């Protein structure tokens, strides 16, 4: 799976958590990509067995697609949190996490995740 495919799957997962019935146009708008590019990507993901598209053109992750999407999204959230806790601003942290989440090894990511869980205190929300 290439980085672009992982990004599409992650986007479908995020959108499916926000709304019922994800369409290609939703993916295009979220990712700021052209409709033809997204259409081509959806065809490739469908051929690869990562998504299905129902009669109403709703995109659904298959088990294989969901597994990849959840892995990448977990990496994104964990790396963003890690960088924010190091003092990086939220936007930069999220941008950097997006770049790294696709290339970091499972071993290195696991070490960072374990460090985050065991060493970094959760930020307390301020009461208003």
Foldseek 3Di string as FASTA:
>chain_A
DDLVLLVLLLLLVVVVVVDPFDALVNSCVVVVHDSVVSVVSVVVCVVVQQWDADPVRGIDGDPVSVVSNVQLVVQLVLQLVLVVLVPDDNVVSNVVSSVVSRPDDPVVSVVSNVCCVPPGDDDDDDDD
